Amino acid sequence: MIQTENAKAQMRKGVLELCILSILSQGEAYPTEIIEKLKKQKLVVVEGTLYPLLTRLKNTDLLTYRWEESNSGPPRKYYFLTKIGKTYLSDLQSSWYDMVSSVNKTIQNSK
């Protein structure tokens, strides 16, 4: 039997950027909060995956961050969408819905 875990992992990886930007569109968040929200939706992500993606999104001006002091440890970096990031997310969501619709039609037609 063919293992589907790799295919599932690739699908999750492919939509991770959309999910992270969508979370940040609801308000600023620090990485641990982002991971917790993804886990609630069964999109398990580790810090080693999240931090490089956040850095890439910041470097492309889709998001930025601010530092906030913490009572329980070091300062926290809170990420939030830029104006460019909000526009990008809107375009990405539109593309996502179009793709999901096309995939659903293809899957339904194959039954």
Protein backbone atom coordinates (compact mmCIF):
# COMPACT_ATOMS: atom_id res chain seq x y z
CA MET A 1 0.00 0.00 0.00
CA ILE A 2 1.29 3.47 -0.90
CA GLN A 3 1.92 5.79 2.01
CA THR A 4 -0.08 9.02 1.79
CA GLU A 5 1.72 10.86 4.59
CA ASN A 6 4.21 12.54 2.25
CA ALA A 7 1.43 13.77 -0.04
CA LYS A 8 -0.52 15.08 2.97
CA ALA A 9 2.59 16.86 4.28
CA GLN A 10 3.18 18.50 0.90
CA MET A 11 -0.43 19.71 0.75
CA ARG A 12 -0.16 21.22 4.25
CA LYS A 13 3.14 22.87 3.36
CA GLY A 14 1.58 24.33 0.22
CA VAL A 15 -1.18 26.13 2.12
CA LEU A 16 0.85 27.15 5.16
CA GLU A 17 1.57 30.66 3.89
CA LEU A 18 -2.13 31.26 3.25
CA CYS A 19 -3.01 30.00 6.73
CA ILE A 20 -0.40 32.12 8.49
CA LEU A 21 -1.40 35.27 6.64
CA SER A 22 -5.06 34.52 7.39
CA ILE A 23 -4.30 34.15 11.10
CA LEU A 24 -2.43 37.46 11.09
CA SER A 25 -5.31 39.16 9.27
CA GLN A 26 -7.32 38.61 12.46
CA GLY A 27 -4.76 40.59 14.49
CA GLU A 28 -1.15 40.54 15.50
CA ALA A 29 0.29 37.38 17.00
CA TYR A 30 3.60 36.02 18.19
CA PRO A 31 4.93 32.72 16.80
CA THR A 32 3.74 30.52 19.66
CA GLU A 33 0.19 31.84 19.18
CA ILE A 34 0.38 31.16 15.45
CA ILE A 35 1.51 27.58 16.08
CA GLU A 36 -1.30 27.05 18.62
CA LYS A 37 -3.93 28.33 16.17
CA LEU A 38 -2.59 26.08 13.42
CA LYS A 39 -2.58 23.07 15.76
CA LYS A 40 -6.24 23.71 16.66
CA GLN A 41 -7.00 23.29 12.97
CA LYS A 42 -4.87 20.12 12.79
CA LEU A 43 -2.14 21.87 10.81
CA VAL A 44 0.81 20.85 12.94
CA VAL A 45 3.80 23.13 12.39
CA VAL A 46 7.08 23.30 14.28
CA GLU A 47 9.11 26.42 15.02
CA GLY A 48 11.79 25.28 12.58
CA THR A 49 9.23 25.57 9.78
CA LEU A 50 7.46 28.69 10.99
CA TYR A 51 10.38 31.05 11.66
CA PRO A 52 11.96 30.86 8.18
CA LEU A 53 8.53 31.43 6.62
CA LEU A 54 7.87 34.45 8.86
CA THR A 55 11.28 35.84 7.92
CA ARG A 56 10.60 35.36 4.20
CA LEU A 57 7.18 37.03 4.51
CA LYS A 58 8.77 39.93 6.40
CA ASN A 59 11.56 40.28 3.83
CA THR A 60 8.97 40.53 1.05
CA ASP A 61 7.12 43.28 2.98
CA LEU A 62 3.98 41.17 3.49
CA LEU A 63 4.27 41.46 7.24
CA THR A 64 6.21 43.30 9.88
CA TYR A 65 6.62 43.03 13.62
CA ARG A 66 6.96 44.90 16.87
CA TRP A 67 8.65 43.94 20.11
CA GLU A 68 6.75 43.78 23.39
CA GLU A 69 8.16 43.15 26.84
CA SER A 70 6.94 39.97 28.53
CA ASN A 71 6.34 39.36 32.23
CA SER A 72 7.29 35.72 31.84
CA GLY A 73 10.52 35.80 29.85
CA PRO A 74 12.26 37.62 27.02
CA PRO A 75 10.51 40.22 24.86
CA ARG A 76 8.08 38.84 22.29
CA LYS A 77 8.03 39.62 18.60
CA TYR A 78 4.44 40.25 17.46
CA TYR A 79 3.86 39.91 13.72
CA PHE A 80 1.14 41.69 11.74
CA LEU A 81 0.20 42.22 8.10
CA THR A 82 1.34 45.24 6.14
CA LYS A 83 -0.92 46.98 3.64
CA ILE A 84 0.83 45.02 0.88
CA GLY A 85 0.30 41.83 2.89
CA LYS A 86 -3.45 42.48 3.16
CA THR A 87 -3.74 42.94 -0.60
CA TYR A 88 -1.61 39.85 -1.22
CA LEU A 89 -3.75 37.79 1.15
CA SER A 90 -6.93 38.89 -0.60
CA ASP A 91 -5.49 37.80 -3.97
CA LEU A 92 -4.23 34.53 -2.47
CA GLN A 93 -7.63 33.76 -0.92
CA SER A 94 -9.36 34.37 -4.25
CA SER A 95 -6.93 32.03 -6.00
CA TRP A 96 -7.43 29.46 -3.24
CA TYR A 97 -11.22 29.44 -3.61
CA ASP A 98 -10.91 29.10 -7.40
CA MET A 99 -8.48 26.20 -7.02
CA VAL A 100 -10.61 24.42 -4.40
CA SER A 101 -13.64 24.72 -6.66
CA SER A 102 -11.71 23.27 -9.62
CA VAL A 103 -10.27 20.44 -7.55
CA ASN A 104 -13.68 19.60 -6.08
CA LYS A 105 -15.22 19.45 -9.57
CA THR A 106 -12.39 17.22 -10.78
CA ILE A 107 -12.72 14.89 -7.79
CA GLN A 108 -16.50 14.69 -8.11
CA ASN A 109 -16.25 13.94 -11.84
CA SER A 110 -13.85 11.06 -11.17
CA LYS A 111 -16.36 9.13 -9.04
